[in-house]
Amino acid sequence: AEVILAGEGPLDVPSGPNVNVLPGLPGKGAAIRAALGRVTGDITV
């Protein structure tokens, strides 16, 4: 699955083409807005 993690805090995430990390986003609203720009699927969870 395509995974976009957005927010702030230490992560232990797998490397791979389907995993995107957007750090330095302190609020949930700001994180979701930034992540939506990276979504490529027709359905977003």
All heavy atoms as atom14 arrays in JSON, in Angstrom:
{
  "sequence": "AEVILAGEGPLDVPSGPNVNVLPGLPGKGAAIRAALGRVTGDITV",
  "atom14_mask": [
    [1, 1, 1, 1, 1, 0, 0, 0, 0, 0, 0, 0, 0, 0],
    [1, 1, 1, 1, 1, 1, 1, 1, 1, 0, 0, 0, 0, 0],
    [1, 1, 1, 1, 1, 1, 1, 0, 0, 0, 0, 0, 0, 0],
    [1, 1, 1, 1, 1, 1, 1, 1, 0, 0, 0, 0, 0, 0],
    [1, 1, 1, 1, 1, 1, 1, 1, 0, 0, 0, 0, 0, 0],
    [1, 1, 1, 1, 1, 0, 0, 0, 0, 0, 0, 0, 0, 0],
    [1, 1, 1, 1, 0, 0, 0, 0, 0, 0, 0, 0, 0, 0],
    [1, 1, 1, 1, 1, 1, 1, 1, 1, 0, 0, 0, 0, 0],
    [1, 1, 1, 1, 0, 0, 0, 0, 0, 0, 0, 0, 0, 0],
    [1, 1, 1, 1, 1, 1, 1, 0, 0, 0, 0, 0, 0, 0],
    [1, 1, 1, 1, 1, 1, 1, 1, 0, 0, 0, 0, 0, 0],
    [1, 1, 1, 1, 1, 1, 1, 1, 0, 0, 0, 0, 0, 0],
    [1, 1, 1, 1, 1, 1, 1, 0, 0, 0, 0, 0, 0, 0],
    [1, 1, 1, 1, 1, 1, 1, 0, 0, 0, 0, 0, 0, 0],
    [1, 1, 1, 1, 1, 1, 0, 0, 0, 0, 0, 0, 0, 0],
    [1, 1, 1, 1, 0, 0, 0, 0, 0, 0, 0, 0, 0, 0],
    [1, 1, 1, 1, 1, 1, 1, 0, 0, 0, 0, 0, 0, 0],
    [1, 1, 1, 1, 1, 1, 1, 1, 0, 0, 0, 0, 0, 0],
    [1, 1, 1, 1, 1, 1, 1, 0, 0, 0, 0, 0, 0, 0],
    [1, 1, 1, 1, 1, 1, 1, 1, 0, 0, 0, 0, 0, 0],
    [1, 1, 1, 1, 1, 1, 1, 0, 0, 0, 0, 0, 0, 0],
    [1, 1, 1, 1, 1, 1, 1, 1, 0, 0, 0, 0, 0, 0],
    [1, 1, 1, 1, 1, 1, 1, 0, 0, 0, 0, 0, 0, 0],
    [1, 1, 1, 1, 0, 0, 0, 0, 0, 0, 0, 0, 0, 0],
    [1, 1, 1, 1, 1, 1, 1, 1, 0, 0, 0, 0, 0, 0],
    [1, 1, 1, 1, 1, 1, 1, 0, 0, 0, 0, 0, 0, 0],
    [1, 1, 1, 1, 0, 0, 0, 0, 0, 0, 0, 0, 0, 0],
    [1, 1, 1, 1, 1, 1, 1, 1, 1, 0, 0, 0, 0, 0],
    [1, 1, 1, 1, 0, 0, 0, 0, 0, 0, 0, 0, 0, 0],
    [1, 1, 1, 1, 1, 0, 0, 0, 0, 0, 0, 0, 0, 0],
    [1, 1, 1, 1, 1, 0, 0, 0, 0, 0, 0, 0, 0, 0],
    [1, 1, 1, 1, 1, 1, 1, 1, 0, 0, 0, 0, 0, 0],
    [1, 1, 1, 1, 1, 1, 1, 1, 1, 1, 1, 0, 0, 0],
    [1, 1, 1, 1, 1, 0, 0, 0, 0, 0, 0, 0, 0, 0],
    [1, 1, 1, 1, 1, 0, 0, 0, 0, 0, 0, 0, 0, 0],
    [1, 1, 1, 1, 1, 1, 1, 1, 0, 0, 0, 0, 0, 0],
    [1, 1, 1, 1, 0, 0, 0, 0, 0, 0, 0, 0, 0, 0],
    [1, 1, 1, 1, 1, 1, 1, 1, 1, 1, 1, 0, 0, 0],
    [1, 1, 1, 1, 1, 1, 1, 0, 0, 0, 0, 0, 0, 0],
    [1, 1, 1, 1, 1, 1, 1, 0, 0, 0, 0, 0, 0, 0],
    [1, 1, 1, 1, 0, 0, 0, 0, 0, 0, 0, 0, 0, 0],
    [1, 1, 1, 1, 1, 1, 1, 1, 0, 0, 0, 0, 0, 0],
    [1, 1, 1, 1, 1, 1, 1, 1, 0, 0, 0, 0, 0, 0],
    [1, 1, 1, 1, 1, 1, 1, 0, 0, 0, 0, 0, 0, 0],
    [1, 1, 1, 1, 1, 1, 1, 0, 0, 0, 0, 0, 0, 0]
  ],
  "atom14_positions": [
    [[0.82, -1.2, 0.0], [0.0, 0.0, 0.0], [0.86, 1.26, 0.0], [1.99, 1.26, 0.5], [-0.9, 0.01, 1.23], [0.0, 0.0, 0.0], [0.0, 0.0, 0.0], [0.0, 0.0, 0.0], [0.0, 0.0, 0.0], [0.0, 0.0, 0.0], [0.0, 0.0, 0.0], [0.0, 0.0, 0.0], [0.0, 0.0, 0.0], [0.0, 0.0, 0.0]],
    [[0.33, 2.34, -0.57], [0.98, 3.64, -0.48], [0.7, 4.23, 0.89], [-0.45, 4.33, 1.31], [0.45, 4.57, -1.57], [1.06, 5.97, -1.51], [0.51, 6.89, -2.58], [-0.7, 7.21, -2.53], [1.29, 7.29, -3.47], [0.0, 0.0, 0.0], [0.0, 0.0, 0.0], [0.0, 0.0, 0.0], [0.0, 0.0, 0.0], [0.0, 0.0, 0.0]],
    [[1.75, 4.63, 1.6], [1.63, 5.16, 2.96], [2.29, 6.53, 3.02], [3.44, 6.69, 2.61], [2.28, 4.23, 4.0], [2.06, 4.78, 5.4], [1.74, 2.81, 3.88], [0.0, 0.0, 0.0], [0.0, 0.0, 0.0], [0.0, 0.0, 0.0], [0.0, 0.0, 0.0], [0.0, 0.0, 0.0], [0.0, 0.0, 0.0], [0.0, 0.0, 0.0]],
    [[1.55, 7.52, 3.51], [2.11, 8.85, 3.74], [1.98, 9.15, 5.23], [0.87, 9.23, 5.76], [1.4, 9.93, 2.92], [1.49, 9.61, 1.43], [2.01, 11.3, 3.18], [0.19, 9.45, 0.76], [0.0, 0.0, 0.0], [0.0, 0.0, 0.0], [0.0, 0.0, 0.0], [0.0, 0.0, 0.0], [0.0, 0.0, 0.0], [0.0, 0.0, 0.0]],
    [[3.12, 9.28, 5.9], [3.14, 9.64, 7.31], [3.47, 11.13, 7.41], [4.47, 11.58, 6.85], [4.18, 8.82, 8.07], [3.94, 7.3, 8.06], [5.06, 6.61, 7.3], [3.83, 6.77, 9.47], [0.0, 0.0, 0.0], [0.0, 0.0, 0.0], [0.0, 0.0, 0.0], [0.0, 0.0, 0.0], [0.0, 0.0, 0.0], [0.0, 0.0, 0.0]],
    [[2.66, 11.88, 8.12], [2.86, 13.32, 8.22], [2.68, 13.76, 9.66], [1.68, 13.42, 10.29], [1.89, 14.05, 7.3], [0.0, 0.0, 0.0], [0.0, 0.0, 0.0], [0.0, 0.0, 0.0], [0.0, 0.0, 0.0], [0.0, 0.0, 0.0], [0.0, 0.0, 0.0], [0.0, 0.0, 0.0], [0.0, 0.0, 0.0], [0.0, 0.0, 0.0]],
    [[3.64, 14.5, 10.18], [3.53, 14.97, 11.55], [4.89, 15.28, 12.12], [5.8, 15.69, 11.4], [0.0, 0.0, 0.0], [0.0, 0.0, 0.0], [0.0, 0.0, 0.0], [0.0, 0.0, 0.0], [0.0, 0.0, 0.0], [0.0, 0.0, 0.0], [0.0, 0.0, 0.0], [0.0, 0.0, 0.0], [0.0, 0.0, 0.0], [0.0, 0.0, 0.0]],
    [[5.03, 15.07, 13.43], [6.33, 15.29, 14.07], [6.54, 14.23, 15.14], [5.61, 13.8, 15.81], [6.42, 16.69, 14.67], [5.37, 17.0, 15.72], [5.59, 18.36, 16.36], [6.6, 19.01, 16.03], [4.77, 18.76, 17.19], [0.0, 0.0, 0.0], [0.0, 0.0, 0.0], [0.0, 0.0, 0.0], [0.0, 0.0, 0.0], [0.0, 0.0, 0.0]],
    [[7.79, 13.79, 15.26], [8.12, 12.76, 16.22], [9.04, 11.73, 15.6], [9.15, 11.63, 14.37], [0.0, 0.0, 0.0], [0.0, 0.0, 0.0], [0.0, 0.0, 0.0], [0.0, 0.0, 0.0], [0.0, 0.0, 0.0], [0.0, 0.0, 0.0], [0.0, 0.0, 0.0], [0.0, 0.0, 0.0], [0.0, 0.0, 0.0], [0.0, 0.0, 0.0]],
    [[9.74, 10.9, 16.42], [10.68, 9.9, 15.91], [9.95, 8.7, 15.31], [9.07, 8.12, 15.94], [11.48, 9.5, 17.15], [10.52, 9.75, 18.29], [9.69, 10.92, 17.9], [0.0, 0.0, 0.0], [0.0, 0.0, 0.0], [0.0, 0.0, 0.0], [0.0, 0.0, 0.0], [0.0, 0.0, 0.0], [0.0, 0.0, 0.0], [0.0, 0.0, 0.0]],
    [[10.32, 8.33, 14.09], [9.68, 7.21, 13.4], [10.69, 6.1, 13.13], [11.88, 6.36, 12.93], [9.09, 7.67, 12.06], [7.87, 8.58, 12.1], [7.55, 9.06, 10.68], [6.67, 7.87, 12.7], [0.0, 0.0, 0.0], [0.0, 0.0, 0.0], [0.0, 0.0, 0.0], [0.0, 0.0, 0.0], [0.0, 0.0, 0.0], [0.0, 0.0, 0.0]],
    [[10.2, 4.89, 13.12], [10.98, 3.74, 12.67], [10.19, 3.14, 11.52], [9.31, 2.3, 11.72], [11.15, 2.73, 13.8], [11.82, 1.44, 13.32], [12.47, 1.49, 12.27], [11.64, 0.4, 13.99], [0.0, 0.0, 0.0], [0.0, 0.0, 0.0], [0.0, 0.0, 0.0], [0.0, 0.0, 0.0], [0.0, 0.0, 0.0], [0.0, 0.0, 0.0]],
    [[10.46, 3.59, 10.3], [9.64, 3.21, 9.16], [10.48, 2.46, 8.13], [11.69, 2.68, 8.02], [8.99, 4.45, 8.5], [8.05, 5.14, 9.47], [10.04, 5.42, 8.01], [0.0, 0.0, 0.0], [0.0, 0.0, 0.0], [0.0, 0.0, 0.0], [0.0, 0.0, 0.0], [0.0, 0.0, 0.0], [0.0, 0.0, 0.0], [0.0, 0.0, 0.0]],
    [[9.84, 1.59, 7.35], [10.58, 0.85, 6.32], [10.92, 1.77, 5.16], [10.18, 2.71, 4.86], [9.58, -0.23, 5.9], [8.23, 0.38, 6.16], [8.41, 1.22, 7.4], [0.0, 0.0, 0.0], [0.0, 0.0, 0.0], [0.0, 0.0, 0.0], [0.0, 0.0, 0.0], [0.0, 0.0, 0.0], [0.0, 0.0, 0.0], [0.0, 0.0, 0.0]],
    [[12.02, 1.52, 4.52], [12.36, 2.28, 3.32], [11.68, 1.6, 2.13], [11.51, 0.38, 2.1], [13.87, 2.31, 3.11], [14.38, 0.98, 2.98], [0.0, 0.0, 0.0], [0.0, 0.0, 0.0], [0.0, 0.0, 0.0], [0.0, 0.0, 0.0], [0.0, 0.0, 0.0], [0.0, 0.0, 0.0], [0.0, 0.0, 0.0], [0.0, 0.0, 0.0]],
    [[11.28, 2.37, 1.16], [10.63, 1.81, -0.01], [9.92, 2.89, -0.79], [9.65, 3.98, -0.28], [0.0, 0.0, 0.0], [0.0, 0.0, 0.0], [0.0, 0.0, 0.0], [0.0, 0.0, 0.0], [0.0, 0.0, 0.0], [0.0, 0.0, 0.0], [0.0, 0.0, 0.0], [0.0, 0.0, 0.0], [0.0, 0.0, 0.0], [0.0, 0.0, 0.0]],
    [[9.6, 2.58, -2.05], [9.0, 3.61, -2.92], [7.58, 4.0, -2.5], [7.09, 5.06, -2.89], [9.0, 2.94, -4.3], [9.02, 1.47, -4.01], [9.82, 1.31, -2.75], [0.0, 0.0, 0.0], [0.0, 0.0, 0.0], [0.0, 0.0, 0.0], [0.0, 0.0, 0.0], [0.0, 0.0, 0.0], [0.0, 0.0, 0.0], [0.0, 0.0, 0.0]],
    [[6.91, 3.15, -1.72], [5.52, 3.43, -1.37], [5.36, 4.14, -0.03], [4.24, 4.39, 0.4], [4.7, 2.13, -1.33], [4.54, 1.53, -2.72], [4.64, 2.24, -3.72], [4.31, 0.23, -2.77], [0.0, 0.0, 0.0], [0.0, 0.0, 0.0], [0.0, 0.0, 0.0], [0.0, 0.0, 0.0], [0.0, 0.0, 0.0], [0.0, 0.0, 0.0]],
    [[6.46, 4.43, 0.65], [6.38, 5.07, 1.96], [6.96, 6.47, 1.88], [8.12, 6.65, 1.5], [7.11, 4.24, 3.03], [7.04, 4.94, 4.38], [6.51, 2.84, 3.12], [0.0, 0.0, 0.0], [0.0, 0.0, 0.0], [0.0, 0.0, 0.0], [0.0, 0.0, 0.0], [0.0, 0.0, 0.0], [0.0, 0.0, 0.0], [0.0, 0.0, 0.0]],
    [[6.12, 7.47, 2.21], [6.56, 8.87, 2.22], [6.44, 9.42, 3.62], [5.41, 9.22, 4.28], [5.69, 9.71, 1.28], [5.85, 9.32, -0.17], [6.87, 9.59, -0.78], [4.84, 8.66, -0.72], [0.0, 0.0, 0.0], [0.0, 0.0, 0.0], [0.0, 0.0, 0.0], [0.0, 0.0, 0.0], [0.0, 0.0, 0.0], [0.0, 0.0, 0.0]],
    [[7.46, 10.11, 4.07], [7.44, 10.73, 5.4], [7.53, 12.24, 5.23], [8.44, 12.75, 4.57], [8.59, 10.22, 6.28], [8.56, 10.93, 7.63], [8.5, 8.7, 6.47], [0.0, 0.0, 0.0], [0.0, 0.0, 0.0], [0.0, 0.0, 0.0], [0.0, 0.0, 0.0], [0.0, 0.0, 0.0], [0.0, 0.0, 0.0], [0.0, 0.0, 0.0]],
    [[6.56, 12.94, 5.81], [6.54, 14.4, 5.79], [6.72, 14.89, 7.21], [5.76, 14.96, 7.98], [5.23, 14.91, 5.2], [4.84, 14.38, 3.8], [3.51, 14.95, 3.38], [5.93, 14.72, 2.79], [0.0, 0.0, 0.0], [0.0, 0.0, 0.0], [0.0, 0.0, 0.0], [0.0, 0.0, 0.0], [0.0, 0.0, 0.0], [0.0, 0.0, 0.0]],
    [[7.94, 15.23, 7.61], [8.21, 15.62, 9.01], [7.96, 17.11, 9.24], [7.71, 17.88, 8.31], [9.68, 15.27, 9.17], [10.26, 15.52, 7.8], [9.17, 15.16, 6.8], [0.0, 0.0, 0.0], [0.0, 0.0, 0.0], [0.0, 0.0, 0.0], [0.0, 0.0, 0.0], [0.0, 0.0, 0.0], [0.0, 0.0, 0.0], [0.0, 0.0, 0.0]],
    [[8.03, 17.49, 10.5], [7.96, 18.9, 10.86], [6.59, 19.52, 10.72], [6.47, 20.73, 10.51], [0.0, 0.0, 0.0], [0.0, 0.0, 0.0], [0.0, 0.0, 0.0], [0.0, 0.0, 0.0], [0.0, 0.0, 0.0], [0.0, 0.0, 0.0], [0.0, 0.0, 0.0], [0.0, 0.0, 0.0], [0.0, 0.0, 0.0], [0.0, 0.0, 0.0]],
    [[5.54, 18.72, 10.84], [4.17, 19.24, 10.74], [3.49, 19.02, 12.09], [3.04, 17.93, 12.41], [3.42, 18.5, 9.64], [3.99, 18.72, 8.22], [3.44, 17.69, 7.25], [3.68, 20.14, 7.74], [0.0, 0.0, 0.0], [0.0, 0.0, 0.0], [0.0, 0.0, 0.0], [0.0, 0.0, 0.0], [0.0, 0.0, 0.0], [0.0, 0.0, 0.0]],
    [[3.37, 20.07, 12.9], [2.96, 19.89, 14.3], [1.47, 19.69, 14.53], [1.08, 19.33, 15.63], [3.43, 21.19, 14.97], [3.42, 22.19, 13.86], [3.8, 21.44, 12.62], [0.0, 0.0, 0.0], [0.0, 0.0, 0.0], [0.0, 0.0, 0.0], [0.0, 0.0, 0.0], [0.0, 0.0, 0.0], [0.0, 0.0, 0.0], [0.0, 0.0, 0.0]],
    [[0.63, 19.9, 13.55], [-0.81, 19.75, 13.75], [-1.42, 18.75, 12.8], [-0.94, 18.56, 11.67], [0.0, 0.0, 0.0], [0.0, 0.0, 0.0], [0.0, 0.0, 0.0], [0.0, 0.0, 0.0], [0.0, 0.0, 0.0], [0.0, 0.0, 0.0], [0.0, 0.0, 0.0], [0.0, 0.0, 0.0], [0.0, 0.0, 0.0], [0.0, 0.0, 0.0]],
    [[-2.51, 18.1, 13.22], [-3.16, 17.08, 12.4], [-3.71, 17.67, 11.1], [-3.61, 17.06, 10.03], [-4.29, 16.42, 13.21], [-4.93, 15.21, 12.53], [-5.94, 14.56, 13.46], [-6.51, 13.28, 12.86], [-7.47, 12.62, 13.78], [0.0, 0.0, 0.0], [0.0, 0.0, 0.0], [0.0, 0.0, 0.0], [0.0, 0.0, 0.0], [0.0, 0.0, 0.0]],
    [[-4.33, 18.85, 11.19], [-4.86, 19.47, 9.99], [-3.78, 19.79, 8.99], [-3.9, 19.51, 7.79], [0.0, 0.0, 0.0], [0.0, 0.0, 0.0], [0.0, 0.0, 0.0], [0.0, 0.0, 0.0], [0.0, 0.0, 0.0], [0.0, 0.0, 0.0], [0.0, 0.0, 0.0], [0.0, 0.0, 0.0], [0.0, 0.0, 0.0], [0.0, 0.0, 0.0]],
    [[-2.69, 20.39, 9.46], [-1.56, 20.71, 8.58], [-0.97, 19.44, 7.98], [-0.59, 19.4, 6.8], [-0.49, 21.47, 9.36], [0.0, 0.0, 0.0], [0.0, 0.0, 0.0], [0.0, 0.0, 0.0], [0.0, 0.0, 0.0], [0.0, 0.0, 0.0], [0.0, 0.0, 0.0], [0.0, 0.0, 0.0], [0.0, 0.0, 0.0], [0.0, 0.0, 0.0]],
    [[-0.91, 18.36, 8.77], [-0.35, 17.1, 8.28], [-1.22, 16.5, 7.17], [-0.71, 16.05, 6.15], [-0.23, 16.12, 9.45], [0.0, 0.0, 0.0], [0.0, 0.0, 0.0], [0.0, 0.0, 0.0], [0.0, 0.0, 0.0], [0.0, 0.0, 0.0], [0.0, 0.0, 0.0], [0.0, 0.0, 0.0], [0.0, 0.0, 0.0], [0.0, 0.0, 0.0]],
    [[-2.53, 16.53, 7.36], [-3.42, 15.95, 6.35], [-3.37, 16.76, 5.06], [-3.31, 16.18, 3.96], [-4.86, 15.87, 6.91], [-4.95, 14.78, 7.99], [-5.86, 15.59, 5.79], [-6.27, 14.72, 8.71], [0.0, 0.0, 0.0], [0.0, 0.0, 0.0], [0.0, 0.0, 0.0], [0.0, 0.0, 0.0], [0.0, 0.0, 0.0], [0.0, 0.0, 0.0]],
    [[-3.34, 18.08, 5.16], [-3.27, 18.9, 3.95], [-2.0, 18.6, 3.17], [-2.02, 18.46, 1.94], [-3.33, 20.39, 4.31], [-4.7, 20.88, 4.71], [-4.79, 22.4, 4.57], [-3.72, 23.09, 5.27], [-3.76, 23.41, 6.56], [-4.82, 23.08, 7.29], [-2.75, 24.05, 7.13], [0.0, 0.0, 0.0], [0.0, 0.0, 0.0], [0.0, 0.0, 0.0]],
    [[-0.89, 18.53, 3.87], [0.38, 18.26, 3.18], [0.38, 16.87, 2.56], [0.84, 16.68, 1.43], [1.54, 18.4, 4.17], [0.0, 0.0, 0.0], [0.0, 0.0, 0.0], [0.0, 0.0, 0.0], [0.0, 0.0, 0.0], [0.0, 0.0, 0.0], [0.0, 0.0, 0.0], [0.0, 0.0, 0.0], [0.0, 0.0, 0.0], [0.0, 0.0, 0.0]],
    [[-0.15, 15.89, 3.28], [-0.15, 14.51, 2.78], [-1.03, 14.34, 1.56], [-0.73, 13.54, 0.66], [-0.58, 13.57, 3.89], [0.0, 0.0, 0.0], [0.0, 0.0, 0.0], [0.0, 0.0, 0.0], [0.0, 0.0, 0.0], [0.0, 0.0, 0.0], [0.0, 0.0, 0.0], [0.0, 0.0, 0.0], [0.0, 0.0, 0.0], [0.0, 0.0, 0.0]],
    [[-2.16, 15.07, 1.51], [-3.07, 14.92, 0.37], [-2.38, 15.26, -0.95], [-2.74, 14.69, -2.0], [-4.3, 15.82, 0.56], [-5.44, 15.24, 1.38], [-6.5, 16.3, 1.67], [-6.06, 14.05, 0.66], [0.0, 0.0, 0.0], [0.0, 0.0, 0.0], [0.0, 0.0, 0.0], [0.0, 0.0, 0.0], [0.0, 0.0, 0.0], [0.0, 0.0, 0.0]],
    [[-1.4, 16.15, -0.9], [-0.68, 16.48, -2.12], [0.17, 15.34, -2.65], [0.58, 15.37, -3.82], [0.0, 0.0, 0.0], [0.0, 0.0, 0.0], [0.0, 0.0, 0.0], [0.0, 0.0, 0.0], [0.0, 0.0, 0.0], [0.0, 0.0, 0.0], [0.0, 0.0, 0.0], [0.0, 0.0, 0.0], [0.0, 0.0, 0.0], [0.0, 0.0, 0.0]],
    [[0.43, 14.35, -1.83], [1.27, 13.21, -2.24], [0.45, 11.97, -2.62], [1.01, 11.0, -3.11], [2.22, 12.83, -1.09], [3.13, 13.95, -0.62], [4.17, 14.3, -1.66], [5.14, 15.29, -1.16], [6.31, 14.97, -0.6], [6.63, 13.69, -0.44], [7.13, 15.91, -0.18], [0.0, 0.0, 0.0], [0.0, 0.0, 0.0], [0.0, 0.0, 0.0]],
    [[-0.83, 11.99, -2.37], [-1.67, 10.81, -2.62], [-1.81, 10.57, -4.12], [-2.07, 11.49, -4.89], [-3.05, 11.0, -1.97], [-4.03, 9.94, -2.47], [-2.94, 10.95, -0.45], [0.0, 0.0, 0.0], [0.0, 0.0, 0.0], [0.0, 0.0, 0.0], [0.0, 0.0, 0.0], [0.0, 0.0, 0.0], [0.0, 0.0, 0.0], [0.0, 0.0, 0.0]],
    [[-1.67, 9.31, -4.52], [-1.85, 8.95, -5.93], [-3.02, 8.0, -6.15], [-3.48, 7.84, -7.27], [-0.58, 8.29, -6.5], [-0.31, 7.08, -5.77], [0.61, 9.24, -6.38], [0.0, 0.0, 0.0], [0.0, 0.0, 0.0], [0.0, 0.0, 0.0], [0.0, 0.0, 0.0], [0.0, 0.0, 0.0], [0.0, 0.0, 0.0], [0.0, 0.0, 0.0]],
    [[-3.52, 7.36, -5.08], [-4.61, 6.4, -5.24], [-5.96, 7.06, -5.4], [-6.17, 8.22, -5.03], [0.0, 0.0, 0.0], [0.0, 0.0, 0.0], [0.0, 0.0, 0.0], [0.0, 0.0, 0.0], [0.0, 0.0, 0.0], [0.0, 0.0, 0.0], [0.0, 0.0, 0.0], [0.0, 0.0, 0.0], [0.0, 0.0, 0.0], [0.0, 0.0, 0.0]],
    [[-6.92, 6.32, -5.95], [-8.28, 6.82, -6.13], [-9.05, 6.87, -4.81], [-10.04, 7.58, -4.68], [-9.06, 5.95, -7.11], [-8.52, 6.05, -8.53], [-7.92, 7.11, -8.85], [-8.67, 5.1, -9.3], [0.0, 0.0, 0.0], [0.0, 0.0, 0.0], [0.0, 0.0, 0.0], [0.0, 0.0, 0.0], [0.0, 0.0, 0.0], [0.0, 0.0, 0.0]],
    [[-8.61, 6.07, -3.83], [-9.23, 6.05, -2.51], [-8.17, 6.38, -1.47], [-7.04, 5.89, -1.53], [-9.85, 4.66, -2.21], [-10.98, 4.35, -3.19], [-10.38, 4.6, -0.77], [-11.58, 2.96, -3.03], [0.0, 0.0, 0.0], [0.0, 0.0, 0.0], [0.0, 0.0, 0.0], [0.0, 0.0, 0.0], [0.0, 0.0, 0.0], [0.0, 0.0, 0.0]],
    [[-8.54, 7.24, -0.54], [-7.64, 7.63, 0.54], [-8.24, 7.21, 1.87], [-9.4, 7.52, 2.16], [-7.41, 9.15, 0.56], [-6.79, 9.54, -0.66], [-6.52, 9.56, 1.73], [0.0, 0.0, 0.0], [0.0, 0.0, 0.0], [0.0, 0.0, 0.0], [0.0, 0.0, 0.0], [0.0, 0.0, 0.0], [0.0, 0.0, 0.0], [0.0, 0.0, 0.0]],
    [[-7.46, 6.5, 2.68], [-7.87, 6.15, 4.04], [-7.13, 7.08, 5.0], [-5.9, 7.15, 4.98], [-7.54, 4.68, 4.37], [-7.85, 4.38, 5.84], [-8.32, 3.74, 3.47], [0.0, 0.0, 0.0], [0.0, 0.0, 0.0], [0.0, 0.0, 0.0], [0.0, 0.0, 0.0], [0.0, 0.0, 0.0], [0.0, 0.0, 0.0], [0.0, 0.0, 0.0]]
  ]
}
